Protein backbone atom coordinates (compact mmCIF):
# COMPACT_ATOMS: atom_id res chain seq x y z
CA MET A 1 0.02 -0.02 -0.04
CA THR A 2 1.13 3.55 -0.16
CA VAL A 3 0.84 6.42 2.18
CA THR A 4 1.34 9.87 0.62
CA ILE A 5 2.88 12.81 2.85
CA VAL A 6 1.70 16.38 1.68
CA GLY A 7 2.38 19.71 3.23
CA SER A 8 -0.74 21.56 3.65
CA GLN A 9 0.88 25.21 4.14
CA LEU A 10 3.52 26.98 2.60
CA GLY A 11 6.33 24.37 3.35
CA ASP A 12 8.33 23.86 6.42
CA GLU A 13 5.45 21.82 8.31
CA GLY A 14 7.89 19.07 9.57
CA LYS A 15 7.05 16.46 6.74
CA GLY A 16 10.46 14.87 7.20
CA GLY A 17 9.63 14.23 11.02
CA VAL A 18 6.37 12.72 10.07
CA VAL A 19 8.04 10.43 7.46
CA ASP A 20 10.66 9.31 9.96
CA VAL A 21 7.90 8.64 12.75
CA TYR A 22 5.75 6.36 10.38
CA GLY A 23 8.93 5.20 8.44
CA ASP A 24 9.41 1.88 10.52
CA ALA A 25 6.47 0.42 8.58
CA ALA A 26 7.61 1.79 5.11
CA ASP A 27 10.01 -0.61 3.07
CA VAL A 28 10.49 2.12 0.34
CA VAL A 29 10.21 6.33 0.62
CA ALA A 30 10.05 8.05 -2.37
CA ARG A 31 10.07 11.78 -3.28
CA TYR A 32 7.72 12.74 -5.86
CA GLN A 33 9.02 16.31 -6.93
CA GLY A 34 11.19 19.27 -5.91
CA GLY A 35 14.85 19.25 -5.67
CA ASP A 36 17.94 20.45 -3.30
CA ASN A 37 15.56 23.37 -2.17
CA ALA A 38 13.67 21.06 0.03
CA GLY A 39 15.55 21.30 3.10
CA HIS A 40 14.43 19.09 5.86
CA THR A 41 15.79 17.63 9.21
CA VAL A 42 15.63 14.41 10.69
CA VAL A 43 16.55 13.26 14.18
CA HIS A 44 17.74 9.68 14.75
CA ASP A 45 19.30 8.33 17.69
CA GLY A 46 19.78 11.83 19.28
CA GLU A 47 21.79 12.82 15.78
CA LYS A 48 20.45 15.52 13.80
CA TYR A 49 20.71 14.90 9.81
CA LYS A 50 19.98 18.02 7.52
CA LEU A 51 19.23 16.85 4.09
CA SER A 52 18.35 18.75 1.05
CA LEU A 53 17.73 15.89 -1.65
CA VAL A 54 18.29 12.19 -0.09
CA PRO A 55 14.60 10.85 1.01
CA SER A 56 14.32 11.44 4.77
CA GLY A 57 13.72 7.35 5.17
CA ALA A 58 17.21 6.73 3.89
CA VAL A 59 18.74 7.78 7.37
CA ARG A 60 16.33 4.91 8.94
CA GLY A 61 17.76 2.22 6.47
CA LYS A 62 14.56 2.57 3.85
CA VAL A 63 15.18 2.45 0.27
CA GLY A 64 14.90 6.14 -0.81
CA VAL A 65 13.86 6.77 -4.41
CA LEU A 66 14.04 10.00 -6.08
CA GLY A 67 11.09 9.87 -8.67
CA ASN A 68 10.80 11.24 -12.24
CA GLY A 69 9.04 14.54 -10.73
CA CYS A 70 12.11 15.56 -9.00
CA VAL A 71 15.03 17.53 -10.45
CA VAL A 72 18.27 16.18 -9.38
CA ASN A 73 21.63 17.97 -8.59
CA PRO A 74 24.32 15.11 -8.78
CA GLU A 75 26.69 16.94 -7.04
CA THR A 76 24.43 17.68 -3.90
CA LEU A 77 23.12 13.98 -4.08
CA PHE A 78 26.72 12.36 -3.82
CA ASN A 79 27.91 15.10 -1.25
CA GLU A 80 24.73 14.08 0.64
CA ILE A 81 25.47 10.28 0.55
CA ASP A 82 29.02 10.72 1.27
CA THR A 83 28.22 12.68 4.25
CA LEU A 84 25.82 9.91 5.82
CA ARG A 85 28.51 7.49 4.89
CA GLU A 86 30.97 9.30 7.12
CA ARG A 87 28.57 8.98 9.96
CA ASP A 88 28.38 5.40 9.47
CA LEU A 89 25.32 4.98 7.57
CA GLU A 90 24.82 3.27 4.32
CA PRO A 91 21.61 4.87 2.47
CA ASP A 92 20.35 3.28 -0.53
CA VAL A 93 19.11 5.68 -2.80
CA ARG A 94 17.88 5.13 -6.28
CA VAL A 95 16.97 7.88 -8.93
CA ALA A 96 14.46 7.60 -11.65
CA GLU A 97 16.08 7.76 -14.99
CA ARG A 98 13.19 9.93 -16.15
CA ALA A 99 14.11 12.66 -13.51
CA HIS A 100 15.68 16.15 -14.74
CA VAL A 101 19.26 17.17 -14.01
CA ILE A 102 19.99 20.19 -12.51
CA LEU A 103 23.31 21.77 -14.31
CA PRO A 104 25.53 24.89 -13.42
CA TYR A 105 23.87 27.08 -15.90
CA HIS A 106 20.56 26.61 -14.36
CA ARG A 107 22.05 27.79 -11.02
CA ALA A 108 23.57 30.65 -12.49
CA LEU A 109 20.47 31.77 -14.68
CA ASP A 110 18.23 31.25 -11.16
CA GLY A 111 20.25 33.98 -9.48
CA ILE A 112 20.40 36.20 -12.54
CA GLU A 113 16.42 35.77 -13.18
CA GLU A 114 15.61 36.09 -9.58
CA ALA A 115 17.55 39.60 -9.28
CA GLU A 116 15.71 40.78 -12.46
CA LYS A 117 12.25 39.79 -11.36
CA GLU A 118 12.30 41.95 -8.18
CA ASP A 119 8.82 42.36 -7.14
CA LEU A 120 8.04 38.91 -8.45
CA ALA A 121 10.69 37.30 -6.39
CA ALA A 122 9.52 33.76 -5.13
CA GLY A 123 12.02 33.39 -2.39
CA THR A 124 14.14 30.96 -4.50
CA THR A 125 17.04 29.29 -2.89
CA LYS A 126 19.02 29.76 -6.08
CA ARG A 127 19.49 25.95 -6.73
CA GLY A 128 18.28 26.07 -10.46
CA ILE A 129 15.01 24.38 -9.65
CA GLY A 130 12.76 26.68 -11.83
CA PRO A 131 15.12 26.91 -14.52
CA THR A 132 15.13 23.06 -14.91
CA TYR A 133 11.65 22.76 -14.67
CA GLU A 134 11.40 25.42 -17.33
CA ASP A 135 14.03 23.34 -19.81
CA LYS A 136 11.90 20.12 -18.83
CA ALA A 137 8.65 21.91 -19.94
CA GLY A 138 10.53 23.36 -23.02
CA ARG A 139 11.54 19.88 -24.04
CA ARG A 140 15.26 21.02 -23.74
CA GLY A 141 16.26 19.11 -20.61
CA VAL A 142 18.92 16.69 -19.57
CA ARG A 143 17.48 13.54 -17.67
CA VAL A 144 19.27 11.07 -15.36
CA GLY A 145 19.05 8.49 -17.93
CA ASP A 146 21.05 10.91 -20.57
CA LEU A 147 23.98 10.63 -18.18
CA LEU A 148 24.29 6.85 -18.67
CA ASP A 149 24.64 7.43 -22.47
CA PRO A 150 27.88 9.65 -23.68
CA ASP A 151 26.40 10.46 -27.25
CA VAL A 152 23.14 11.27 -26.03
CA LEU A 153 24.47 13.56 -23.31
CA ARG A 154 26.90 15.26 -25.74
CA GLU A 155 24.08 15.89 -28.23
CA ARG A 156 21.56 17.36 -25.54
CA LEU A 157 24.61 19.55 -24.21
CA GLU A 158 25.50 20.86 -27.76
CA TYR A 159 21.66 21.82 -28.52
CA VAL A 160 20.80 23.51 -24.92
CA VAL A 161 23.87 25.23 -23.82
CA PRO A 162 24.32 27.69 -26.39
CA GLN A 163 20.80 28.87 -25.75
CA LYS A 164 21.66 29.33 -22.21
CA LYS A 165 25.15 31.04 -23.01
CA ALA A 166 23.32 33.54 -25.40
CA LEU A 167 20.40 34.34 -22.92
CA ALA A 168 22.97 35.03 -20.25
CA GLU A 169 25.47 37.17 -22.25
CA GLU A 170 23.02 38.79 -24.72
CA VAL A 171 19.87 39.39 -22.77
CA PHE A 172 21.15 40.11 -19.08
CA GLU A 173 24.60 41.07 -20.03
CA LYS A 174 26.44 38.78 -17.70
CA GLU A 175 29.73 36.98 -18.00
CA THR A 176 29.73 33.37 -18.53
CA GLY A 177 32.52 30.73 -17.61
CA GLU A 178 32.45 26.77 -16.92
CA ALA A 179 28.97 26.50 -16.09
CA PHE A 180 28.28 27.39 -19.74
CA ASP A 181 31.32 25.62 -21.47
CA ILE A 182 29.94 22.08 -23.13
CA ASP A 183 33.20 20.17 -22.87
CA HIS A 184 33.32 20.89 -19.10
CA LEU A 185 29.90 20.08 -18.40
CA TYR A 186 30.18 16.67 -20.52
CA GLU A 187 33.23 15.67 -18.57
CA THR A 188 31.75 16.40 -15.46
CA TYR A 189 28.63 14.80 -15.85
CA ARG A 190 29.69 11.77 -17.55
CA GLU A 191 31.65 11.14 -14.31
CA TYR A 192 28.41 11.55 -12.37
CA GLY A 193 26.87 9.16 -14.75
CA LYS A 194 29.61 6.52 -14.57
CA ARG A 195 28.96 6.56 -10.62
CA LEU A 196 25.12 6.33 -10.87
CA GLU A 197 25.89 3.22 -13.08
CA GLU A 198 28.68 1.83 -10.78
CA GLU A 199 26.55 1.91 -7.70
CA ASP A 200 23.33 0.61 -9.59
CA MET A 201 21.26 3.70 -8.73
CA THR A 202 19.22 4.42 -11.50
CA VAL A 203 15.65 2.88 -11.89
CA ASP A 204 12.44 2.88 -14.11
CA CYS A 205 10.78 4.57 -11.05
CA GLY A 206 7.05 3.65 -11.80
CA THR A 207 7.92 -0.07 -12.42
CA PHE A 208 10.38 -0.08 -9.55
CA LEU A 209 7.73 1.15 -7.09
CA GLN A 210 4.75 -1.03 -8.57
CA GLU A 211 6.95 -4.33 -8.30
CA ARG A 212 7.60 -3.27 -4.75
CA ILE A 213 3.76 -2.63 -3.81
CA ASP A 214 3.07 -6.21 -5.83
CA ALA A 215 5.32 -7.92 -3.64
CA GLY A 216 3.78 -6.56 -0.58
CA ASP A 217 6.17 -3.69 0.58
CA ASN A 218 4.78 -0.68 1.99
CA VAL A 219 5.70 2.56 0.06
CA MET A 220 5.71 6.04 1.37
CA LEU A 221 5.32 8.99 -1.16
CA GLU A 222 6.82 11.97 0.12
CA GLY A 223 6.42 15.52 -1.16
CA ALA A 224 8.14 18.56 -0.64
CA GLN A 225 7.12 22.45 -0.16
CA GLY A 226 3.45 22.89 0.59
CA THR A 227 0.30 22.98 -1.01
CA SER A 228 0.16 26.89 -1.22
CA LEU A 229 3.41 26.67 -3.11
CA ASP A 230 1.98 24.22 -5.67
CA ILE A 231 2.32 25.70 -9.40
CA ASP A 232 -1.37 25.18 -10.08
CA HIS A 233 -2.92 25.27 -6.67
CA GLY A 234 -0.78 27.62 -5.15
CA VAL A 235 -0.59 31.19 -4.79
CA TYR A 236 1.31 31.93 -8.07
CA PRO A 237 3.51 33.60 -9.02
CA TYR A 238 4.92 33.11 -5.37
CA VAL A 239 5.26 29.19 -6.05
CA THR A 240 7.78 26.29 -6.51
CA SER A 241 7.88 24.92 -10.05
CA SER A 242 6.18 21.47 -9.63
CA ASN A 243 3.08 19.91 -7.89
CA PRO A 244 3.71 19.25 -3.86
CA SER A 245 -0.09 18.33 -3.91
CA SER A 246 -1.37 14.84 -3.51
CA GLY A 247 -1.78 14.71 -7.55
CA GLY A 248 1.90 15.31 -7.93
CA ALA A 249 2.38 11.70 -6.21
CA THR A 250 0.87 9.66 -9.15
CA VAL A 251 2.65 12.23 -12.02
CA GLY A 252 6.06 12.17 -10.14
CA THR A 253 6.11 8.65 -9.51
CA GLY A 254 4.61 6.78 -12.43
CA LEU A 255 2.32 4.96 -9.90
CA GLY A 256 -1.48 5.03 -11.16
CA PRO A 257 -3.77 7.59 -9.70
CA THR A 258 -5.83 4.50 -8.35
CA VAL A 259 -2.80 3.10 -6.45
CA VAL A 260 -2.27 6.11 -4.78
CA GLY A 261 -5.80 6.89 -3.83
CA GLN A 262 -6.33 3.46 -2.19
CA GLY A 263 -3.69 4.33 0.44
CA ASP A 264 -3.88 7.33 3.02
CA VAL A 265 -3.04 10.82 2.27
CA ILE A 266 -1.88 12.46 5.26
CA GLY A 267 -1.90 16.58 5.42
CA ILE A 268 0.83 17.81 7.47
CA VAL A 269 -0.21 21.06 9.38
CA LYS A 270 2.22 23.28 11.42
CA ALA A 271 0.08 25.02 14.52
CA TYR A 272 1.01 28.30 12.95
CA LEU A 273 2.18 29.57 9.73
CA SER A 274 5.45 30.37 8.45
CA ARG A 275 7.09 30.92 4.96
CA VAL A 276 10.20 32.38 3.28
CA GLY A 277 9.68 34.74 0.44
CA THR A 278 7.34 37.45 -0.58
CA GLY A 279 3.45 37.39 -1.44
CA PRO A 280 0.37 37.91 0.62
CA LEU A 281 0.11 36.32 3.95
CA PRO A 282 -3.40 37.46 5.64
CA THR A 283 -2.63 36.14 9.22
CA GLU A 284 1.27 37.32 9.33
CA LEU A 285 2.63 38.86 12.48
CA GLY A 286 5.27 41.55 12.34
CA GLY A 287 7.06 41.47 9.10
CA VAL A 288 10.27 40.37 7.37
CA GLU A 289 12.25 42.94 5.39
CA ASP A 290 12.71 42.25 1.83
CA GLN A 291 9.84 39.54 2.05
CA THR A 292 6.74 41.26 3.72
CA PRO A 293 5.03 43.21 1.01
CA ASP A 294 4.89 47.34 1.76
CA TYR A 295 6.89 46.18 5.21
CA ASP A 296 8.56 48.96 6.48
CA PRO A 297 11.25 48.35 9.48
CA ASP A 298 10.94 51.75 11.02
CA GLU A 299 7.21 51.58 11.49
CA GLY A 300 6.90 47.82 11.73
CA ALA A 301 3.63 46.47 12.95
CA GLY A 302 3.53 47.21 16.71
CA ASP A 303 5.87 46.53 19.23
CA ASP A 304 3.87 43.76 20.96
CA GLU A 305 3.35 42.12 17.45
CA GLU A 306 6.71 42.19 16.34
CA ALA A 307 7.84 40.65 19.92
CA LEU A 308 5.28 37.79 19.43
CA ALA A 309 6.41 37.17 16.01
CA THR A 310 10.26 37.00 17.26
CA GLN A 311 9.34 34.78 19.98
CA ILE A 312 7.52 32.06 17.98
CA ARG A 313 10.28 32.33 15.18
CA ASP A 314 13.07 31.57 17.86
CA GLU A 315 10.99 29.18 19.67
CA GLY A 316 10.00 27.29 16.38
CA GLY A 317 13.62 27.76 14.54
CA GLU A 318 11.97 29.41 12.02
CA TYR A 319 15.02 29.89 9.69
CA GLY A 320 15.42 28.21 6.39
CA THR A 321 17.12 24.93 6.69
CA VAL A 322 18.95 25.62 3.21
CA THR A 323 19.19 29.19 3.24
CA GLY A 324 19.30 30.21 7.03
CA ARG A 325 16.79 33.09 6.07
CA PRO A 326 14.29 34.02 8.60
CA ARG A 327 10.83 32.90 7.86
CA ARG A 328 7.85 35.05 8.06
CA VAL A 329 5.39 33.81 10.72
CA GLY A 330 1.72 34.22 11.50
CA TRP A 331 -1.20 32.66 13.16
CA LEU A 332 -2.84 29.37 11.46
CA ASP A 333 -4.84 29.99 8.38
CA MET A 334 -7.81 27.83 8.02
CA PRO A 335 -9.11 29.19 4.81
CA MET A 336 -5.54 27.85 3.27
CA LEU A 337 -5.70 24.72 5.23
CA ARG A 338 -9.53 24.14 3.87
CA HIS A 339 -8.15 24.88 0.31
CA ALA A 340 -5.19 22.42 1.00
CA ALA A 341 -7.79 19.64 2.41
CA ARG A 342 -10.00 19.93 -0.64
CA ALA A 343 -7.23 19.76 -3.16
CA ASN A 344 -5.40 16.73 -1.69
CA GLY A 345 -8.02 14.68 -0.42
CA PHE A 346 -6.75 14.21 3.13
CA THR A 347 -7.54 11.07 5.08
CA GLY A 348 -5.51 12.04 8.16
CA LEU A 349 -3.63 15.13 9.67
CA ALA A 350 -0.27 15.24 11.36
CA ILE A 351 -0.22 18.62 13.29
CA ASN A 352 3.29 19.65 14.48
CA HIS A 353 4.81 22.41 16.72
CA ILE A 354 2.09 22.71 19.51
CA ASP A 355 4.85 23.02 21.80
CA VAL A 356 6.19 26.22 20.29
CA LEU A 357 2.87 28.02 21.30
CA ALA A 358 3.16 26.79 24.83
CA GLY A 359 3.18 29.74 27.07
CA LEU A 360 1.16 32.10 25.39
CA GLU A 361 -1.96 33.43 27.02
CA GLU A 362 -3.81 33.72 23.82
CA VAL A 363 -3.61 31.72 20.36
CA LYS A 364 -5.40 33.18 17.48
CA VAL A 365 -6.83 31.47 14.26
CA GLY A 366 -7.39 33.15 11.04
CA HIS A 367 -10.68 31.43 10.84
CA SER A 368 -12.31 32.92 7.51
CA TYR A 369 -11.28 36.27 5.25
CA GLU A 370 -13.34 39.26 4.69
CA PHE A 371 -13.07 39.86 0.84
CA ASP A 372 -14.57 42.76 -0.86
CA GLY A 373 -17.24 43.10 2.14
CA GLU A 374 -18.03 39.45 2.06
CA GLU A 375 -17.04 36.55 4.49
CA ILE A 376 -15.13 33.66 2.66
CA PHE A 377 -13.74 30.58 3.92
CA THR A 378 -11.36 29.08 1.62
CA VAL A 379 -8.27 30.79 -0.64
CA PRO A 380 -9.67 33.11 -3.72
CA PRO A 381 -8.24 31.83 -7.04
CA THR A 382 -5.82 34.58 -7.68
CA THR A 383 -2.79 36.06 -5.56
CA GLU A 384 -4.03 39.70 -6.37
CA GLN A 385 -7.69 38.57 -4.72
CA TRP A 386 -5.90 36.72 -1.76
CA GLY A 387 -3.81 40.11 -1.28
CA ARG A 388 -7.23 41.81 -0.78
CA CYS A 389 -8.26 39.49 2.02
CA ASP A 390 -8.36 40.15 5.94
CA ALA A 391 -8.06 37.28 8.30
CA THR A 392 -11.04 37.18 10.75
CA PHE A 393 -9.70 35.73 13.75
CA LYS A 394 -10.95 33.20 16.30
CA SER A 395 -9.32 33.25 19.73
CA PHE A 396 -8.21 30.16 21.86
CA ASP A 397 -7.14 29.99 25.70
CA GLY A 398 -3.33 29.30 25.58
CA TRP A 399 -1.72 26.25 27.24
CA PRO A 400 0.99 25.90 29.72
CA GLU A 401 4.63 24.65 28.89
CA VAL A 402 4.94 20.90 29.77
CA ASP A 403 7.27 17.92 29.78
CA TRP A 404 6.39 17.25 26.20
CA ALA A 405 8.38 14.11 26.18
CA GLU A 406 6.49 12.76 29.01
CA VAL A 407 3.36 14.00 26.94
CA ALA A 408 4.51 11.67 23.99
CA ALA A 409 4.92 8.93 26.32
CA ASP A 410 1.71 9.00 27.74
CA GLY A 411 -0.72 9.48 24.73
CA TYR A 412 -3.12 12.08 23.32
CA GLU A 413 -5.09 12.52 26.44
CA ALA A 414 -1.92 13.77 28.19
CA ILE A 415 -1.81 17.17 25.75
CA PRO A 416 -3.12 20.15 27.75
CA GLU A 417 -6.90 20.42 27.39
CA ASN A 418 -6.65 23.75 25.89
CA ALA A 419 -4.18 22.44 23.21
CA ARG A 420 -6.73 19.59 22.47
CA THR A 421 -9.70 22.12 22.12
CA TYR A 422 -7.56 24.06 19.60
CA LEU A 423 -6.21 20.70 17.65
CA GLU A 424 -9.99 19.24 17.60
CA TYR A 425 -11.05 22.64 16.19
CA ILE A 426 -8.80 22.03 13.11
CA SER A 427 -9.92 18.37 12.36
CA ASP A 428 -13.52 19.37 12.91
CA GLU A 429 -13.07 22.52 10.41
CA LEU A 430 -11.39 19.99 7.95
CA ASP A 431 -13.66 17.06 8.77
CA THR A 432 -10.23 14.92 8.74
CA PRO A 433 -9.22 12.74 11.74
CA ILE A 434 -5.79 13.24 13.71
CA TYR A 435 -3.36 10.91 12.78
CA ALA A 436 -0.32 12.49 14.79
CA VAL A 437 0.61 15.27 16.85
CA GLY A 438 4.44 16.73 17.04
CA VAL A 439 5.26 18.01 20.19
CA GLY A 440 8.94 18.55 19.65
CA PRO A 441 11.67 17.88 17.26
CA GLY A 442 12.88 14.53 18.13
CA ARG A 443 11.19 11.40 16.81
CA GLY A 444 10.27 10.14 20.27
CA GLU A 445 8.44 13.57 20.71
CA THR A 446 5.34 12.80 18.90
CA VAL A 447 1.89 11.64 19.98
CA ILE A 448 0.92 8.89 17.45
CA VAL A 449 -2.98 8.60 17.55
CA GLU A 450 -3.39 6.23 14.45
CA ASN A 451 -0.57 4.64 12.18
CA PRO A 452 -1.84 4.47 8.41
CA TYR A 453 0.07 1.07 8.05
CA GLU A 454 -1.74 -0.80 10.50
């Protein structure tokens, strides 16, 4: 069977931790989209592992698969694998031959184009993700399977590199170097292809996963980022370049939609809201310079609100795993979650970070929006409309700081009563049961209500 893990908000919901918690019962963990912009932290045996490409489950000895919907930077992939090996782990990672390859010119152009976009900057990590997906859609990409065939690789590079070089030099008036040199790229990426072959890492992803399912294995499908960053269902243009929503799980792995649909789809919810990048955020607290629209650091949003934003940011470690940039933070946004629940078809929820809000006298939720004089309960279809929305808040009594490790050991009823009221409000609004509650960063700091594999 399959279990699909989906971010319900704007990324950074704690998906890697949920994959880790349920990972014991999974035999294979497959990522179905994104690239090495998808930072995730896994805690195992007291050790922290910060990964950006290798699937979370590989830390726990599972087979990790990068599906055809991913874009793969071989340099990052092998650096992460080698680092894990240095820490006495032996990750078993397979890569779809249909996955597209991030090349140096993609990263170079990512930085150039982001600077040119200015007010449309989407908070890119400048890892070349967007330009690689653009080449995929434009049918000029290089795929993992091409690295295995020297003639095909040479042909692909000779076709696309002159275009990229001309774009950088003639349109953006930038100097180019090795990142745009065909011979250098060919030699470097053929070596990556040889290593992929030597370590028997490449697979026909859909066939590989279906054969494992037919053999009785449990497969977990892991999305990166979150639903509101989905290229189709997110706050366009402040989005990623792929489909983190559950529909991307079938497209990005080669498994049929009926196969994915027969399993669970678990929506990962952070108990408040955070994001990196610009664009509207109706429940935002305070602001972050160069990210919050129309934010003036000299005026701010009021001392109390700025202090609360800083407290949540510091308690929750709200700084990008890959970039280290401070994330914007805000109260939970229920219209965003209702939108995610519909788009993904959640069968269960994992709600993380309720411990971060402990000690606050009052916890708020954006229950609905006021949009052009009307109350609405989901995200409007255009980002411009979303920017005109004002959140209508619902307040909850706060809950105390407690021994969260003890709570995790004792179970759901040990969660403070006011926190349970908050959790049950979310579950009721989305008409979706709670499967797990994260009360800390460690694997043992999760209250498991239901295991989808049992």
